[in-house]
N, C-alpha and C. Protein backbone atom coordinates (compact mmCIF):
# COMPACT_ATOMS: atom_id res chain seq x y z
N MET A 1 297.86 -2.46 -58.03
CA MET A 1 299.22 -2.23 -57.63
C MET A 1 299.34 -1.61 -56.27
N ILE A 2 298.31 -0.75 -55.96
CA ILE A 2 298.33 -0.14 -54.63
C ILE A 2 298.09 -1.21 -53.54
N LEU A 3 297.23 -2.17 -53.87
CA LEU A 3 296.92 -3.18 -52.92
C LEU A 3 297.99 -4.20 -52.74
N SER A 4 298.86 -4.38 -53.75
CA SER A 4 299.92 -5.39 -53.67
C SER A 4 301.17 -4.76 -52.99
N LEU A 5 301.25 -3.45 -52.88
CA LEU A 5 302.42 -2.76 -52.21
C LEU A 5 302.51 -3.24 -50.68
N PRO A 6 301.45 -3.14 -49.92
CA PRO A 6 301.54 -3.55 -48.51
C PRO A 6 301.91 -5.07 -48.36
N LEU A 7 301.39 -5.80 -49.29
CA LEU A 7 301.78 -7.28 -49.27
C LEU A 7 303.24 -7.52 -49.54
N ALA A 8 303.81 -6.72 -50.47
CA ALA A 8 305.17 -6.88 -50.78
C ALA A 8 306.11 -6.45 -49.55
N VAL A 9 305.64 -5.34 -48.90
CA VAL A 9 306.34 -4.87 -47.68
C VAL A 9 306.29 -5.87 -46.62
N THR A 10 305.11 -6.46 -46.36
CA THR A 10 305.00 -7.45 -45.30
C THR A 10 305.80 -8.69 -45.65
N ASP A 11 305.81 -9.10 -46.94
CA ASP A 11 306.64 -10.20 -47.29
C ASP A 11 308.15 -9.94 -47.11
N ALA A 12 308.49 -8.75 -47.40
CA ALA A 12 309.89 -8.33 -47.16
C ALA A 12 310.35 -8.33 -45.65
N ARG A 13 309.32 -7.94 -44.81
CA ARG A 13 309.62 -7.91 -43.39
C ARG A 13 309.75 -9.39 -42.87
N VAL A 14 308.84 -10.29 -43.30
CA VAL A 14 308.85 -11.64 -42.87
C VAL A 14 310.18 -12.32 -43.40
N ARG A 15 310.66 -12.01 -44.61
CA ARG A 15 311.90 -12.53 -45.13
C ARG A 15 313.04 -12.04 -44.22
N GLY A 16 313.01 -10.76 -43.92
CA GLY A 16 314.08 -10.12 -43.12
C GLY A 16 314.18 -10.75 -41.77
N ILE A 17 313.02 -10.98 -41.20
CA ILE A 17 313.02 -11.62 -39.85
C ILE A 17 313.50 -13.04 -39.94
N ARG A 18 313.10 -13.78 -40.95
CA ARG A 18 313.58 -15.14 -41.14
C ARG A 18 315.06 -15.15 -41.33
N LEU A 19 315.58 -14.22 -42.11
CA LEU A 19 317.00 -14.16 -42.42
C LEU A 19 317.80 -13.83 -41.14
N HIS A 20 317.27 -12.88 -40.38
CA HIS A 20 317.93 -12.47 -39.14
C HIS A 20 317.93 -13.67 -38.15
N ARG A 21 316.91 -14.34 -38.08
CA ARG A 21 316.80 -15.53 -37.09
C ARG A 21 317.69 -16.69 -37.52
N ALA A 22 317.80 -16.86 -38.83
CA ALA A 22 318.68 -17.89 -39.42
C ALA A 22 320.15 -17.58 -39.19
N LEU A 23 320.51 -16.35 -39.30
CA LEU A 23 321.87 -15.92 -39.07
C LEU A 23 322.21 -15.84 -37.61
N THR A 24 321.24 -15.63 -36.72
CA THR A 24 321.45 -15.60 -35.32
C THR A 24 321.50 -17.02 -34.74
N VAL A 25 320.58 -17.82 -35.15
CA VAL A 25 320.56 -19.22 -34.52
C VAL A 25 321.64 -20.13 -35.25
N LYS A 26 321.73 -19.94 -36.58
CA LYS A 26 322.68 -20.78 -37.28
C LYS A 26 323.67 -19.99 -38.08
N PRO A 27 324.67 -19.39 -37.39
CA PRO A 27 325.68 -18.64 -38.13
C PRO A 27 326.61 -19.45 -38.93
N LYS A 28 326.16 -20.21 -39.95
CA LYS A 28 326.99 -21.14 -40.66
C LYS A 28 327.34 -20.50 -42.02
N PRO A 29 328.47 -20.87 -42.56
CA PRO A 29 328.82 -20.34 -43.87
C PRO A 29 327.82 -20.71 -44.97
N LEU A 30 327.30 -21.89 -44.80
CA LEU A 30 326.22 -22.36 -45.71
C LEU A 30 325.05 -21.47 -45.81
N THR A 31 324.62 -20.92 -44.60
CA THR A 31 323.52 -20.04 -44.45
C THR A 31 323.81 -18.72 -45.18
N TRP A 32 325.00 -18.23 -45.03
CA TRP A 32 325.42 -16.97 -45.70
C TRP A 32 325.41 -17.18 -47.19
N MET A 33 326.01 -18.31 -47.64
CA MET A 33 326.06 -18.56 -49.04
C MET A 33 324.68 -18.69 -49.69
N SER A 34 323.69 -19.31 -49.00
CA SER A 34 322.46 -19.53 -49.56
C SER A 34 321.64 -18.22 -49.77
N HIS A 35 322.02 -17.23 -48.98
CA HIS A 35 321.34 -15.92 -49.09
C HIS A 35 322.16 -14.97 -49.92
N GLY A 36 323.32 -15.45 -50.38
CA GLY A 36 324.22 -14.59 -51.26
C GLY A 36 324.78 -13.42 -50.58
N ALA A 37 324.89 -13.58 -49.19
CA ALA A 37 325.56 -12.45 -48.49
C ALA A 37 327.08 -12.64 -48.52
């Protein structure tokens, strides 16, 4: 569980970056809906 923690944090960061890029490059309603924002 201790080893999986850094992996989860890294995955969360990658998803956050992808989400930020998606909203920045393609600020479409569909993109917002797909992420439940």
